[in-house]
Amino acid sequence: MIILAQPVAYLMSMANENGMITTTTMALVSVGIIGLFVVSYLITIRLFARKDL
């Protein structure tokens, strides 16, 4: 996820300069990022809950 941060920030900056960013777009991007963090958290919890690690 950290690797994707820079390209996404660049694309968001370009879209903002061209006037393509709306409130709906920003809300969807924010929800998507939070969703990725939640999924990552759940996967991490599941992997490290195993006793054989």
PDB file of N, CA and C in Angstrom:
ATOM      1  N   MET A   1       0.813  -1.190   0.000  1.00  0.00           N
ATOM      2  CA  MET A   1       0.000   0.000   0.000  1.00  0.00           C
ATOM      3  C   MET A   1       0.858   1.256   0.000  1.00  0.00           C
ATOM      4  N   ILE A   2       1.990   1.184   0.674  1.00  0.00           N
ATOM      5  CA  ILE A   2       2.865   2.356   0.718  1.00  0.00           C
ATOM      6  C   ILE A   2       3.426   2.645  -0.666  1.00  0.00           C
ATOM      7  N   ILE A   3       3.694   1.585  -1.430  1.00  0.00           N
ATOM      8  CA  ILE A   3       4.232   1.760  -2.786  1.00  0.00           C
ATOM      9  C   ILE A   3       3.218   2.485  -3.675  1.00  0.00           C
ATOM     10  N   LEU A   4       1.937   2.256  -3.453  1.00  0.00           N
ATOM     11  CA  LEU A   4       0.895   2.876  -4.272  1.00  0.00           C
ATOM     12  C   LEU A   4       0.606   4.318  -3.880  1.00  0.00           C
ATOM     13  N   ALA A   5       1.103   4.765  -2.736  1.00  0.00           N
ATOM     14  CA  ALA A   5       0.767   6.102  -2.245  1.00  0.00           C
ATOM     15  C   ALA A   5       1.276   7.204  -3.171  1.00  0.00           C
ATOM     16  N   GLN A   6       2.511   7.111  -3.616  1.00  0.00           N
ATOM     17  CA  GLN A   6       3.072   8.173  -4.453  1.00  0.00           C
ATOM     18  C   GLN A   6       2.362   8.287  -5.806  1.00  0.00           C
ATOM     19  N   PRO A   7       2.148   7.182  -6.544  1.00  0.00           N
ATOM     20  CA  PRO A   7       1.434   7.333  -7.824  1.00  0.00           C
ATOM     21  C   PRO A   7       0.011   7.861  -7.652  1.00  0.00           C
ATOM     22  N   VAL A   8      -0.671   7.427  -6.612  1.00  0.00           N
ATOM     23  CA  VAL A   8      -2.039   7.908  -6.388  1.00  0.00           C
ATOM     24  C   VAL A   8      -2.024   9.392  -6.048  1.00  0.00           C
ATOM     25  N   ALA A   9      -1.078   9.821  -5.235  1.00  0.00           N
ATOM     26  CA  ALA A   9      -0.972  11.241  -4.904  1.00  0.00           C
ATOM     27  C   ALA A   9      -0.689  12.065  -6.156  1.00  0.00           C
ATOM     28  N   TYR A  10       0.164  11.558  -7.032  1.00  0.00           N
ATOM     29  CA  TYR A  10       0.467  12.259  -8.282  1.00  0.00           C
ATOM     30  C   TYR A  10      -0.775  12.367  -9.166  1.00  0.00           C
ATOM     31  N   LEU A  11      -1.510  11.271  -9.301  1.00  0.00           N
ATOM     32  CA  LEU A  11      -2.725  11.286 -10.122  1.00  0.00           C
ATOM     33  C   LEU A  11      -3.780  12.224  -9.539  1.00  0.00           C
ATOM     34  N   MET A  12      -3.910  12.214  -8.213  1.00  0.00           N
ATOM     35  CA  MET A  12      -4.876  13.110  -7.571  1.00  0.00           C
ATOM     36  C   MET A  12      -4.478  14.575  -7.795  1.00  0.00           C
ATOM     37  N   SER A  13      -3.180  14.857  -7.737  1.00  0.00           N
ATOM     38  CA  SER A  13      -2.703  16.215  -7.972  1.00  0.00           C
ATOM     39  C   SER A  13      -2.991  16.655  -9.403  1.00  0.00           C
ATOM     40  N   MET A  14      -2.738  15.771 -10.355  1.00  0.00           N
ATOM     41  CA  MET A  14      -3.016  16.093 -11.755  1.00  0.00           C
ATOM     42  C   MET A  14      -4.503  16.307 -11.980  1.00  0.00           C
ATOM     43  N   ALA A  15      -5.326  15.456 -11.393  1.00  0.00           N
ATOM     44  CA  ALA A  15      -6.768  15.592 -11.557  1.00  0.00           C
ATOM     45  C   ALA A  15      -7.267  16.878 -10.912  1.00  0.00           C
ATOM     46  N   ASN A  16      -6.674  17.263  -9.795  1.00  0.00           N
ATOM     47  CA  ASN A  16      -7.076  18.493  -9.119  1.00  0.00           C
ATOM     48  C   ASN A  16      -6.724  19.712  -9.968  1.00  0.00           C
ATOM     49  N   GLU A  17      -5.575  19.682 -10.622  1.00  0.00           N
ATOM     50  CA  GLU A  17      -5.173  20.797 -11.485  1.00  0.00           C
ATOM     51  C   GLU A  17      -6.099  20.928 -12.686  1.00  0.00           C
ATOM     52  N   ASN A  18      -6.615  19.810 -13.180  1.00  0.00           N
ATOM     53  CA  ASN A  18      -7.491  19.833 -14.344  1.00  0.00           C
ATOM     54  C   ASN A  18      -8.954  20.043 -13.967  1.00  0.00           C
ATOM     55  N   GLY A  19      -9.249  20.155 -12.678  1.00  0.00           N
ATOM     56  CA  GLY A  19     -10.617  20.402 -12.245  1.00  0.00           C
ATOM     57  C   GLY A  19     -11.500  19.167 -12.267  1.00  0.00           C
ATOM     58  N   MET A  20     -10.900  17.988 -12.264  1.00  0.00           N
ATOM     59  CA  MET A  20     -11.683  16.757 -12.337  1.00  0.00           C
ATOM     60  C   MET A  20     -12.092  16.235 -10.958  1.00  0.00           C
ATOM     61  N   ILE A  21     -11.560  16.820  -9.900  1.00  0.00           N
ATOM     62  CA  ILE A  21     -11.850  16.359  -8.549  1.00  0.00           C
ATOM     63  C   ILE A  21     -13.130  17.020  -8.054  1.00  0.00           C
ATOM     64  N   THR A  22     -14.075  16.194  -7.661  1.00  0.00           N
ATOM     65  CA  THR A  22     -15.301  16.697  -7.058  1.00  0.00           C
ATOM     66  C   THR A  22     -15.401  16.140  -5.644  1.00  0.00           C
ATOM     67  N   THR A  23     -16.377  16.595  -4.917  1.00  0.00           N
ATOM     68  CA  THR A  23     -16.563  16.123  -3.553  1.00  0.00           C
ATOM     69  C   THR A  23     -16.861  14.627  -3.551  1.00  0.00           C
ATOM     70  N   THR A  24     -17.652  14.166  -4.503  1.00  0.00           N
ATOM     71  CA  THR A  24     -17.977  12.746  -4.590  1.00  0.00           C
ATOM     72  C   THR A  24     -16.729  11.919  -4.861  1.00  0.00           C
ATOM     73  N   THR A  25     -15.878  12.385  -5.739  1.00  0.00           N
ATOM     74  CA  THR A  25     -14.643  11.669  -6.051  1.00  0.00           C
ATOM     75  C   THR A  25     -13.747  11.575  -4.826  1.00  0.00           C
ATOM     76  N   MET A  26     -13.593  12.673  -4.118  1.00  0.00           N
ATOM     77  CA  MET A  26     -12.763  12.666  -2.922  1.00  0.00           C
ATOM     78  C   MET A  26     -13.336  11.740  -1.857  1.00  0.00           C
ATOM     79  N   ALA A  27     -14.656  11.722  -1.718  1.00  0.00           N
ATOM     80  CA  ALA A  27     -15.290  10.844  -0.738  1.00  0.00           C
ATOM     81  C   ALA A  27     -15.069   9.384  -1.105  1.00  0.00           C
ATOM     82  N   LEU A  28     -15.201   9.056  -2.371  1.00  0.00           N
ATOM     83  CA  LEU A  28     -15.001   7.663  -2.811  1.00  0.00           C
ATOM     84  C   LEU A  28     -13.553   7.231  -2.630  1.00  0.00           C
ATOM     85  N   VAL A  29     -12.625   8.096  -2.939  1.00  0.00           N
ATOM     86  CA  VAL A  29     -11.207   7.778  -2.752  1.00  0.00           C
ATOM     87  C   VAL A  29     -10.902   7.578  -1.273  1.00  0.00           C
ATOM     88  N   SER A  30     -11.441   8.442  -0.431  1.00  0.00           N
ATOM     89  CA  SER A  30     -11.219   8.314   1.013  1.00  0.00           C
ATOM     90  C   SER A  30     -11.791   7.013   1.557  1.00  0.00           C
ATOM     91  N   VAL A  31     -12.995   6.668   1.146  1.00  0.00           N
ATOM     92  CA  VAL A  31     -13.613   5.416   1.587  1.00  0.00           C
ATOM     93  C   VAL A  31     -12.802   4.228   1.084  1.00  0.00           C
ATOM     94  N   GLY A  32     -12.301   4.301  -0.141  1.00  0.00           N
ATOM     95  CA  GLY A  32     -11.485   3.216  -0.688  1.00  0.00           C
ATOM     96  C   GLY A  32     -10.197   3.016   0.092  1.00  0.00           C
ATOM     97  N   ILE A  33      -9.547   4.111   0.466  1.00  0.00           N
ATOM     98  CA  ILE A  33      -8.304   4.021   1.231  1.00  0.00           C
ATOM     99  C   ILE A  33      -8.565   3.433   2.611  1.00  0.00           C
ATOM    100  N   ILE A  34      -9.618   3.891   3.261  1.00  0.00           N
ATOM    101  CA  ILE A  34      -9.967   3.341   4.577  1.00  0.00           C
ATOM    102  C   ILE A  34     -10.318   1.868   4.455  1.00  0.00           C
ATOM    103  N   GLY A  35     -11.016   1.494   3.380  1.00  0.00           N
ATOM    104  CA  GLY A  35     -11.341   0.087   3.140  1.00  0.00           C
ATOM    105  C   GLY A  35     -10.093  -0.773   2.977  1.00  0.00           C
ATOM    106  N   LEU A  36      -9.100  -0.261   2.258  1.00  0.00           N
ATOM    107  CA  LEU A  36      -7.845  -1.002   2.101  1.00  0.00           C
ATOM    108  C   LEU A  36      -7.138  -1.200   3.433  1.00  0.00           C
ATOM    109  N   PHE A  37      -7.147  -0.179   4.274  1.00  0.00           N
ATOM    110  CA  PHE A  37      -6.534  -0.317   5.595  1.00  0.00           C
ATOM    111  C   PHE A  37      -7.263  -1.354   6.445  1.00  0.00           C
ATOM    112  N   VAL A  38      -8.585  -1.355   6.393  1.00  0.00           N
ATOM    113  CA  VAL A  38      -9.365  -2.325   7.178  1.00  0.00           C
ATOM    114  C   VAL A  38      -9.093  -3.738   6.696  1.00  0.00           C
ATOM    115  N   VAL A  39      -9.088  -3.944   5.387  1.00  0.00           N
ATOM    116  CA  VAL A  39      -8.814  -5.272   4.840  1.00  0.00           C
ATOM    117  C   VAL A  39      -7.401  -5.717   5.201  1.00  0.00           C
ATOM    118  N   SER A  40      -6.441  -4.813   5.104  1.00  0.00           N
ATOM    119  CA  SER A  40      -5.066  -5.133   5.470  1.00  0.00           C
ATOM    120  C   SER A  40      -4.977  -5.516   6.940  1.00  0.00           C
ATOM    121  N   TYR A  41      -5.669  -4.788   7.796  1.00  0.00           N
ATOM    122  CA  TYR A  41      -5.682  -5.089   9.224  1.00  0.00           C
ATOM    123  C   TYR A  41      -6.261  -6.481   9.486  1.00  0.00           C
ATOM    124  N   LEU A  42      -7.392  -6.774   8.840  1.00  0.00           N
ATOM    125  CA  LEU A  42      -8.030  -8.072   9.058  1.00  0.00           C
ATOM    126  C   LEU A  42      -7.152  -9.231   8.575  1.00  0.00           C
ATOM    127  N   ILE A  43      -6.493  -9.054   7.451  1.00  0.00           N
ATOM    128  CA  ILE A  43      -5.590 -10.096   6.943  1.00  0.00           C
ATOM    129  C   ILE A  43      -4.422 -10.289   7.900  1.00  0.00           C
ATOM    130  N   THR A  44      -3.876  -9.184   8.405  1.00  0.00           N
ATOM    131  CA  THR A  44      -2.755  -9.271   9.342  1.00  0.00           C
ATOM    132  C   THR A  44      -3.165  -9.990  10.620  1.00  0.00           C
ATOM    133  N   ILE A  45      -4.319  -9.652  11.155  1.00  0.00           N
ATOM    134  CA  ILE A  45      -4.814 -10.311  12.375  1.00  0.00           C
ATOM    135  C   ILE A  45      -4.998 -11.800  12.136  1.00  0.00           C
ATOM    136  N   ARG A  46      -5.554 -12.160  10.999  1.00  0.00           N
ATOM    137  CA  ARG A  46      -5.795 -13.570  10.706  1.00  0.00           C
ATOM    138  C   ARG A  46      -4.477 -14.332  10.560  1.00  0.00           C
ATOM    139  N   LEU A  47      -3.497 -13.731   9.890  1.00  0.00           N
ATOM    140  CA  LEU A  47      -2.222 -14.421   9.674  1.00  0.00           C
ATOM    141  C   LEU A  47      -1.449 -14.613  10.968  1.00  0.00           C
ATOM    142  N   PHE A  48      -1.451 -13.594  11.835  1.00  0.00           N
ATOM    143  CA  PHE A  48      -0.660 -13.697  13.058  1.00  0.00           C
ATOM    144  C   PHE A  48      -1.415 -14.343  14.207  1.00  0.00           C
ATOM    145  N   ALA A  49      -2.674 -14.706  13.993  1.00  0.00           N
ATOM    146  CA  ALA A  49      -3.428 -15.415  15.033  1.00  0.00           C
ATOM    147  C   ALA A  49      -3.129 -16.917  14.996  1.00  0.00           C
ATOM    148  N   ARG A  50      -2.515 -17.368  13.925  1.00  0.00           N
ATOM    149  CA  ARG A  50      -2.201 -18.797  13.817  1.00  0.00           C
ATOM    150  C   ARG A  50      -1.126 -19.162  14.815  1.00  0.00           C
ATOM    151  N   LYS A  51      -1.236 -20.343  15.394  1.00  0.00           N
ATOM    152  CA  LYS A  51      -0.306 -20.771  16.445  1.00  0.00           C
ATOM    153  C   LYS A  51       0.999 -21.332  15.888  1.00  0.00           C
ATOM    154  N   ASP A  52       1.030 -21.717  14.622  1.00  0.00           N
ATOM    155  CA  ASP A  52       2.222 -22.384  14.080  1.00  0.00           C
ATOM    156  C   ASP A  52       3.264 -21.401  13.538  1.00  0.00           C
ATOM    157  N   LEU A  53       3.077 -20.107  13.716  1.00  0.00           N
ATOM    158  CA  LEU A  53       4.059 -19.143  13.205  1.00  0.00           C
ATOM    159  C   LEU A  53       5.208 -18.967  14.152  1.00  0.00           C
TER     160      LEU A  53
END
